[in-house]
């Protein structure tokens, strides 16, 4: 199933996440720092949702209080709640 998420407080504009059962199959992040967002996306592909949340949640970007990885964790939490 494919989910779309609009991140808040970061440079990226949209996150598209494909989930199969409890596994992240593909992540596409529009905007943000391409090297970082592509790297994070590839690292969590194939990972269980809860493991990705555990690793990404709470990572800050400078003084923003959030980051693209943190927003990705929030998107995954939202997906978990919607099941």
PDB file of N, CA and C in Angstrom:
ATOM      1  N   UNK A   1       0.837  -1.167   0.000  1.00  0.00           N
ATOM      2  CA  UNK A   1       0.000   0.000   0.000  1.00  0.00           C
ATOM      3  C   UNK A   1       0.890   1.242   0.000  1.00  0.00           C
ATOM      4  N   UNK A   2       0.458   2.285  -0.658  1.00  0.00           N
ATOM      5  CA  UNK A   2       1.234   3.520  -0.758  1.00  0.00           C
ATOM      6  C   UNK A   2       0.605   4.607   0.106  1.00  0.00           C
ATOM      7  N   UNK A   3       1.445   5.315   0.849  1.00  0.00           N
ATOM      8  CA  UNK A   3       1.010   6.401   1.716  1.00  0.00           C
ATOM      9  C   UNK A   3       1.759   7.668   1.344  1.00  0.00           C
ATOM     10  N   UNK A   4       1.085   8.817   1.479  1.00  0.00           N
ATOM     11  CA  UNK A   4       1.721  10.117   1.238  1.00  0.00           C
ATOM     12  C   UNK A   4       1.658  10.926   2.530  1.00  0.00           C
ATOM     13  N   UNK A   5       2.741  11.650   2.797  1.00  0.00           N
ATOM     14  CA  UNK A   5       2.835  12.435   4.028  1.00  0.00           C
ATOM     15  C   UNK A   5       3.436  13.795   3.701  1.00  0.00           C
ATOM     16  N   UNK A   6       2.861  14.851   4.274  1.00  0.00           N
ATOM     17  CA  UNK A   6       3.378  16.222   4.115  1.00  0.00           C
ATOM     18  C   UNK A   6       4.166  16.577   5.368  1.00  0.00           C
ATOM     19  N   UNK A   7       5.497  16.580   5.305  1.00  0.00           N
ATOM     20  CA  UNK A   7       6.314  16.893   6.481  1.00  0.00           C
ATOM     21  C   UNK A   7       6.160  18.353   6.916  1.00  0.00           C
ATOM     22  N   UNK A   8       6.401  18.591   8.187  1.00  0.00           N
ATOM     23  CA  UNK A   8       6.279  19.925   8.781  1.00  0.00           C
ATOM     24  C   UNK A   8       7.630  20.381   9.327  1.00  0.00           C
ATOM     25  N   UNK A   9       8.001  21.626   9.076  1.00  0.00           N
ATOM     26  CA  UNK A   9       9.188  22.219   9.682  1.00  0.00           C
ATOM     27  C   UNK A   9      10.521  21.794   9.095  1.00  0.00           C
ATOM     28  N   UNK A  10      10.506  21.188   7.900  1.00  0.00           N
ATOM     29  CA  UNK A  10      11.745  20.747   7.249  1.00  0.00           C
ATOM     30  C   UNK A  10      11.747  21.182   5.790  1.00  0.00           C
ATOM     31  N   UNK A  11      12.849  20.958   5.113  1.00  0.00           N
ATOM     32  CA  UNK A  11      12.998  21.376   3.714  1.00  0.00           C
ATOM     33  C   UNK A  11      12.231  20.487   2.737  1.00  0.00           C
ATOM     34  N   UNK A  12      12.017  19.227   3.089  1.00  0.00           N
ATOM     35  CA  UNK A  12      11.313  18.334   2.159  1.00  0.00           C
ATOM     36  C   UNK A  12       9.829  18.696   2.103  1.00  0.00           C
ATOM     37  N   UNK A  13       9.192  18.404   0.954  1.00  0.00           N
ATOM     38  CA  UNK A  13       7.802  18.785   0.710  1.00  0.00           C
ATOM     39  C   UNK A  13       6.817  17.627   0.819  1.00  0.00           C
ATOM     40  N   UNK A  14       7.279  16.433   0.470  1.00  0.00           N
ATOM     41  CA  UNK A  14       6.372  15.282   0.466  1.00  0.00           C
ATOM     42  C   UNK A  14       7.175  13.997   0.605  1.00  0.00           C
ATOM     43  N   UNK A  15       6.555  13.036   1.289  1.00  0.00           N
ATOM     44  CA  UNK A  15       7.147  11.710   1.443  1.00  0.00           C
ATOM     45  C   UNK A  15       6.133  10.688   0.961  1.00  0.00           C
ATOM     46  N   UNK A  16       6.584   9.800   0.089  1.00  0.00           N
ATOM     47  CA  UNK A  16       5.744   8.703  -0.377  1.00  0.00           C
ATOM     48  C   UNK A  16       6.377   7.418   0.135  1.00  0.00           C
ATOM     49  N   UNK A  17       5.558   6.628   0.823  1.00  0.00           N
ATOM     50  CA  UNK A  17       6.066   5.419   1.472  1.00  0.00           C
ATOM     51  C   UNK A  17       5.224   4.236   1.023  1.00  0.00           C
ATOM     52  N   UNK A  18       5.898   3.217   0.507  1.00  0.00           N
ATOM     53  CA  UNK A  18       5.221   1.983   0.115  1.00  0.00           C
ATOM     54  C   UNK A  18       5.478   0.931   1.185  1.00  0.00           C
ATOM     55  N   UNK A  19       4.388   0.353   1.689  1.00  0.00           N
ATOM     56  CA  UNK A  19       4.447  -0.642   2.767  1.00  0.00           C
ATOM     57  C   UNK A  19       3.814  -1.938   2.276  1.00  0.00           C
ATOM     58  N   UNK A  20       4.453  -3.044   2.616  1.00  0.00           N
ATOM     59  CA  UNK A  20       3.878  -4.367   2.367  1.00  0.00           C
ATOM     60  C   UNK A  20       3.903  -5.110   3.695  1.00  0.00           C
ATOM     61  N   UNK A  21       2.704  -5.371   4.235  1.00  0.00           N
ATOM     62  CA  UNK A  21       2.556  -5.932   5.574  1.00  0.00           C
ATOM     63  C   UNK A  21       3.237  -4.987   6.560  1.00  0.00           C
ATOM     64  N   UNK A  22       4.267  -5.373   7.257  1.00  0.00           N
ATOM     65  CA  UNK A  22       4.950  -4.506   8.233  1.00  0.00           C
ATOM     66  C   UNK A  22       6.309  -4.035   7.727  1.00  0.00           C
ATOM     67  N   UNK A  23       6.570  -4.211   6.430  1.00  0.00           N
ATOM     68  CA  UNK A  23       7.890  -3.908   5.875  1.00  0.00           C
ATOM     69  C   UNK A  23       7.833  -2.709   4.930  1.00  0.00           C
ATOM     70  N   UNK A  24       8.821  -1.825   5.051  1.00  0.00           N
ATOM     71  CA  UNK A  24       8.945  -0.666   4.177  1.00  0.00           C
ATOM     72  C   UNK A  24       9.570  -1.140   2.872  1.00  0.00           C
ATOM     73  N   UNK A  25       8.855  -0.964   1.778  1.00  0.00           N
ATOM     74  CA  UNK A  25       9.342  -1.423   0.475  1.00  0.00           C
ATOM     75  C   UNK A  25      10.071  -0.319  -0.289  1.00  0.00           C
ATOM     76  N   UNK A  26       9.557   0.916  -0.216  1.00  0.00           N
ATOM     77  CA  UNK A  26      10.179   2.017  -0.960  1.00  0.00           C
ATOM     78  C   UNK A  26       9.801   3.333  -0.302  1.00  0.00           C
ATOM     79  N   UNK A  27      10.755   4.265  -0.273  1.00  0.00           N
ATOM     80  CA  UNK A  27      10.515   5.605   0.260  1.00  0.00           C
ATOM     81  C   UNK A  27      11.034   6.611  -0.765  1.00  0.00           C
ATOM     82  N   UNK A  28      10.201   7.589  -1.097  1.00  0.00           N
ATOM     83  CA  UNK A  28      10.603   8.680  -1.981  1.00  0.00           C
ATOM     84  C   UNK A  28      10.344   9.981  -1.241  1.00  0.00           C
ATOM     85  N   UNK A  29      11.371  10.813  -1.133  1.00  0.00           N
ATOM     86  CA  UNK A  29      11.237  12.100  -0.460  1.00  0.00           C
ATOM     87  C   UNK A  29      11.497  13.201  -1.480  1.00  0.00           C
ATOM     88  N   UNK A  30      10.520  14.094  -1.626  1.00  0.00           N
ATOM     89  CA  UNK A  30      10.624  15.217  -2.561  1.00  0.00           C
ATOM     90  C   UNK A  30      11.141  16.426  -1.783  1.00  0.00           C
ATOM     91  N   UNK A  31      12.200  17.044  -2.278  1.00  0.00           N
ATOM     92  CA  UNK A  31      12.793  18.210  -1.614  1.00  0.00           C
ATOM     93  C   UNK A  31      13.788  17.782  -0.553  1.00  0.00           C
ATOM     94  N   UNK A  32      14.335  18.739   0.131  1.00  0.00           N
ATOM     95  CA  UNK A  32      15.332  18.447   1.162  1.00  0.00           C
ATOM     96  C   UNK A  32      16.710  18.242   0.552  1.00  0.00           C
ATOM     97  N   UNK A  33      17.633  17.808   1.369  1.00  0.00           N
ATOM     98  CA  UNK A  33      19.009  17.546   0.934  1.00  0.00           C
ATOM     99  C   UNK A  33      19.047  16.168   0.277  1.00  0.00           C
ATOM    100  N   UNK A  34      19.195  16.143  -1.026  1.00  0.00           N
ATOM    101  CA  UNK A  34      19.062  14.897  -1.798  1.00  0.00           C
ATOM    102  C   UNK A  34      19.954  13.768  -1.281  1.00  0.00           C
ATOM    103  N   UNK A  35      21.195  14.056  -0.994  1.00  0.00           N
ATOM    104  CA  UNK A  35      22.100  13.003  -0.516  1.00  0.00           C
ATOM    105  C   UNK A  35      21.599  12.374   0.766  1.00  0.00           C
ATOM    106  N   UNK A  36      21.136  13.202   1.686  1.00  0.00           N
ATOM    107  CA  UNK A  36      20.639  12.689   2.964  1.00  0.00           C
ATOM    108  C   UNK A  36      19.308  11.954   2.809  1.00  0.00           C
ATOM    109  N   UNK A  37      18.364  12.547   2.082  1.00  0.00           N
ATOM    110  CA  UNK A  37      17.042  11.926   1.979  1.00  0.00           C
ATOM    111  C   UNK A  37      17.089  10.623   1.184  1.00  0.00           C
ATOM    112  N   UNK A  38      17.885  10.586   0.124  1.00  0.00           N
ATOM    113  CA  UNK A  38      18.028   9.341  -0.643  1.00  0.00           C
ATOM    114  C   UNK A  38      18.738   8.291   0.203  1.00  0.00           C
ATOM    115  N   UNK A  39      19.764   8.708   0.931  1.00  0.00           N
ATOM    116  CA  UNK A  39      20.494   7.778   1.796  1.00  0.00           C
ATOM    117  C   UNK A  39      19.607   7.175   2.865  1.00  0.00           C
ATOM    118  N   UNK A  40      18.843   8.005   3.564  1.00  0.00           N
ATOM    119  CA  UNK A  40      17.937   7.512   4.606  1.00  0.00           C
ATOM    120  C   UNK A  40      16.892   6.586   3.991  1.00  0.00           C
ATOM    121  N   UNK A  41      16.354   6.979   2.855  1.00  0.00           N
ATOM    122  CA  UNK A  41      15.334   6.159   2.184  1.00  0.00           C
ATOM    123  C   UNK A  41      15.862   4.767   1.869  1.00  0.00           C
ATOM    124  N   UNK A  42      17.041   4.708   1.292  1.00  0.00           N
ATOM    125  CA  UNK A  42      17.614   3.404   0.935  1.00  0.00           C
ATOM    126  C   UNK A  42      17.964   2.569   2.153  1.00  0.00           C
ATOM    127  N   UNK A  43      18.398   3.234   3.221  1.00  0.00           N
ATOM    128  CA  UNK A  43      18.763   2.496   4.431  1.00  0.00           C
ATOM    129  C   UNK A  43      17.572   1.809   5.089  1.00  0.00           C
ATOM    130  N   UNK A  44      16.385   2.434   5.024  1.00  0.00           N
ATOM    131  CA  UNK A  44      15.243   1.817   5.712  1.00  0.00           C
ATOM    132  C   UNK A  44      14.407   0.919   4.813  1.00  0.00           C
ATOM    133  N   UNK A  45      14.663   0.907   3.511  1.00  0.00           N
ATOM    134  CA  UNK A  45      13.930  -0.005   2.633  1.00  0.00           C
ATOM    135  C   UNK A  45      14.243  -1.441   3.034  1.00  0.00           C
ATOM    136  N   UNK A  46      13.208  -2.239   3.220  1.00  0.00           N
ATOM    137  CA  UNK A  46      13.357  -3.613   3.660  1.00  0.00           C
ATOM    138  C   UNK A  46      13.282  -3.762   5.172  1.00  0.00           C
ATOM    139  N   UNK A  47      13.230  -2.645   5.891  1.00  0.00           N
ATOM    140  CA  UNK A  47      13.193  -2.648   7.348  1.00  0.00           C
ATOM    141  C   UNK A  47      11.737  -2.702   7.838  1.00  0.00           C
ATOM    142  N   UNK A  48      11.518  -3.277   8.999  1.00  0.00           N
ATOM    143  CA  UNK A  48      10.205  -3.275   9.633  1.00  0.00           C
ATOM    144  C   UNK A  48       9.886  -1.847  10.093  1.00  0.00           C
ATOM    145  N   UNK A  49       8.615  -1.479  10.047  1.00  0.00           N
ATOM    146  CA  UNK A  49       8.180  -0.126  10.391  1.00  0.00           C
ATOM    147  C   UNK A  49       8.644   0.274  11.789  1.00  0.00           C
ATOM    148  N   UNK A  50       8.415  -0.573  12.794  1.00  0.00           N
ATOM    149  CA  UNK A  50       8.763  -0.228  14.171  1.00  0.00           C
ATOM    150  C   UNK A  50      10.261  -0.013  14.359  1.00  0.00           C
ATOM    151  N   UNK A  51      11.069  -0.782  13.669  1.00  0.00           N
ATOM    152  CA  UNK A  51      12.521  -0.616  13.762  1.00  0.00           C
ATOM    153  C   UNK A  51      12.950   0.731  13.178  1.00  0.00           C
ATOM    154  N   UNK A  52      12.361   1.110  12.045  1.00  0.00           N
ATOM    155  CA  UNK A  52      12.687   2.398  11.425  1.00  0.00           C
ATOM    156  C   UNK A  52      12.275   3.552  12.332  1.00  0.00           C
ATOM    157  N   UNK A  53      11.092   3.469  12.930  1.00  0.00           N
ATOM    158  CA  UNK A  53      10.637   4.517  13.851  1.00  0.00           C
ATOM    159  C   UNK A  53      11.636   4.656  15.002  1.00  0.00           C
ATOM    160  N   UNK A  54      12.028   3.529  15.572  1.00  0.00           N
ATOM    161  CA  UNK A  54      12.963   3.515  16.705  1.00  0.00           C
ATOM    162  C   UNK A  54      14.290   4.199  16.340  1.00  0.00           C
ATOM    163  N   UNK A  55      14.762   3.977  15.132  1.00  0.00           N
ATOM    164  CA  UNK A  55      16.052   4.535  14.715  1.00  0.00           C
ATOM    165  C   UNK A  55      15.981   6.008  14.309  1.00  0.00           C
ATOM    166  N   UNK A  56      14.841   6.458  13.751  1.00  0.00           N
ATOM    167  CA  UNK A  56      14.744   7.799  13.170  1.00  0.00           C
ATOM    168  C   UNK A  56      14.108   8.846  14.080  1.00  0.00           C
ATOM    169  N   UNK A  57      13.237   8.422  14.971  1.00  0.00           N
ATOM    170  CA  UNK A  57      12.464   9.359  15.794  1.00  0.00           C
ATOM    171  C   UNK A  57      13.375  10.201  16.685  1.00  0.00           C
ATOM    172  N   UNK A  58      13.125  11.511  16.661  1.00  0.00           N
ATOM    173  CA  UNK A  58      13.835  12.424  17.546  1.00  0.00           C
ATOM    174  C   UNK A  58      15.134  13.001  17.010  1.00  0.00           C
ATOM    175  N   UNK A  59      15.523  12.646  15.797  1.00  0.00           N
ATOM    176  CA  UNK A  59      16.758  13.200  15.218  1.00  0.00           C
ATOM    177  C   UNK A  59      16.493  14.657  14.821  1.00  0.00           C
ATOM    178  N   UNK A  60      17.288  15.598  15.353  1.00  0.00           N
ATOM    179  CA  UNK A  60      17.091  17.006  14.998  1.00  0.00           C
ATOM    180  C   UNK A  60      17.931  17.421  13.792  1.00  0.00           C
ATOM    181  N   UNK A  61      17.560  18.532  13.190  1.00  0.00           N
ATOM    182  CA  UNK A  61      18.340  19.152  12.119  1.00  0.00           C
ATOM    183  C   UNK A  61      18.624  20.580  12.574  1.00  0.00           C
ATOM    184  N   UNK A  62      19.834  20.824  13.014  1.00  0.00           N
ATOM    185  CA  UNK A  62      20.172  22.151  13.529  1.00  0.00           C
ATOM    186  C   UNK A  62      19.302  22.499  14.718  1.00  0.00           C
ATOM    187  N   UNK A  63      18.693  23.678  14.681  1.00  0.00           N
ATOM    188  CA  UNK A  63      17.840  24.135  15.783  1.00  0.00           C
ATOM    189  C   UNK A  63      16.357  23.970  15.476  1.00  0.00           C
ATOM    190  N   UNK A  64      16.017  23.234  14.408  1.00  0.00           N
ATOM    191  CA  UNK A  64      14.618  23.085  13.991  1.00  0.00           C
ATOM    192  C   UNK A  64      13.778  22.252  14.955  1.00  0.00           C
ATOM    193  N   UNK A  65      14.409  21.363  15.713  1.00  0.00           N
ATOM    194  CA  UNK A  65      13.647  20.498  16.606  1.00  0.00           C
ATOM    195  C   UNK A  65      13.072  19.281  15.912  1.00  0.00           C
ATOM    196  N   UNK A  66      13.259  19.194  14.613  1.00  0.00           N
ATOM    197  CA  UNK A  66      12.836  18.041  13.829  1.00  0.00           C
ATOM    198  C   UNK A  66      13.800  17.916  12.656  1.00  0.00           C
ATOM    199  N   UNK A  67      13.596  16.927  11.819  1.00  0.00           N
ATOM    200  CA  UNK A  67      14.441  16.711  10.648  1.00  0.00           C
ATOM    201  C   UNK A  67      13.666  15.846   9.669  1.00  0.00           C
ATOM    202  N   UNK A  68      14.216  15.652   8.488  1.00  0.00           N
ATOM    203  CA  UNK A  68      13.562  14.751   7.534  1.00  0.00           C
ATOM    204  C   UNK A  68      13.462  13.326   8.102  1.00  0.00           C
ATOM    205  N   UNK A  69      14.522  12.777   8.733  1.00  0.00           N
ATOM    206  CA  UNK A  69      14.366  11.457   9.331  1.00  0.00           C
ATOM    207  C   UNK A  69      13.295  11.425  10.431  1.00  0.00           C
ATOM    208  N   UNK A  70      13.241  12.467  11.274  1.00  0.00           N
ATOM    209  CA  UNK A  70      12.229  12.538  12.325  1.00  0.00           C
ATOM    210  C   UNK A  70      10.836  12.620  11.719  1.00  0.00           C
ATOM    211  N   UNK A  71      10.673  13.405  10.669  1.00  0.00           N
ATOM    212  CA  UNK A  71       9.379  13.506   9.991  1.00  0.00           C
ATOM    213  C   UNK A  71       8.995  12.179   9.343  1.00  0.00           C
ATOM    214  N   UNK A  72       9.975  11.460   8.828  1.00  0.00           N
ATOM    215  CA  UNK A  72       9.721  10.137   8.260  1.00  0.00           C
ATOM    216  C   UNK A  72       9.213   9.194   9.353  1.00  0.00           C
ATOM    217  N   UNK A  73       9.807   9.285  10.545  1.00  0.00           N
ATOM    218  CA  UNK A  73       9.330   8.482  11.680  1.00  0.00           C
ATOM    219  C   UNK A  73       7.888   8.843  12.016  1.00  0.00           C
ATOM    220  N   UNK A  74       7.549  10.129  11.974  1.00  0.00           N
ATOM    221  CA  UNK A  74       6.178  10.567  12.248  1.00  0.00           C
ATOM    222  C   UNK A  74       5.224  10.026  11.188  1.00  0.00           C
ATOM    223  N   UNK A  75       5.666  10.017   9.933  1.00  0.00           N
ATOM    224  CA  UNK A  75       4.843   9.455   8.862  1.00  0.00           C
ATOM    225  C   UNK A  75       4.592   7.969   9.108  1.00  0.00           C
ATOM    226  N   UNK A  76       5.627   7.253   9.513  1.00  0.00           N
ATOM    227  CA  UNK A  76       5.489   5.819   9.785  1.00  0.00           C
ATOM    228  C   UNK A  76       4.577   5.573  10.983  1.00  0.00           C
ATOM    229  N   UNK A  77       4.652   6.430  12.002  1.00  0.00           N
ATOM    230  CA  UNK A  77       3.741   6.312  13.143  1.00  0.00           C
ATOM    231  C   UNK A  77       2.303   6.529  12.705  1.00  0.00           C
ATOM    232  N   UNK A  78       2.095   7.489  11.813  1.00  0.00           N
ATOM    233  CA  UNK A  78       0.762   7.751  11.285  1.00  0.00           C
ATOM    234  C   UNK A  78       0.241   6.533  10.513  1.00  0.00           C
ATOM    235  N   UNK A  79       1.098   5.911   9.743  1.00  0.00           N
ATOM    236  CA  UNK A  79       0.719   4.708   9.011  1.00  0.00           C
ATOM    237  C   UNK A  79       0.311   3.621   9.994  1.00  0.00           C
ATOM    238  N   UNK A  80       1.091   3.440  11.049  1.00  0.00           N
ATOM    239  CA  UNK A  80       0.781   2.426  12.066  1.00  0.00           C
ATOM    240  C   UNK A  80      -0.576   2.679  12.706  1.00  0.00           C
ATOM    241  N   UNK A  81      -0.887   3.947  13.004  1.00  0.00           N
ATOM    242  CA  UNK A  81      -2.175   4.298  13.626  1.00  0.00           C
ATOM    243  C   UNK A  81      -3.348   4.064  12.691  1.00  0.00           C
ATOM    244  N   UNK A  82      -3.101   4.210  11.384  1.00  0.00           N
ATOM    245  CA  UNK A  82      -4.200   4.078  10.414  1.00  0.00           C
ATOM    246  C   UNK A  82      -4.586   2.636  10.098  1.00  0.00           C
ATOM    247  N   UNK A  83      -3.809   1.687  10.607  1.00  0.00           N
ATOM    248  CA  UNK A  83      -4.089   0.275  10.324  1.00  0.00           C
ATOM    249  C   UNK A  83      -5.228  -0.249  11.170  1.00  0.00           C
TER     250      UNK A  83
END
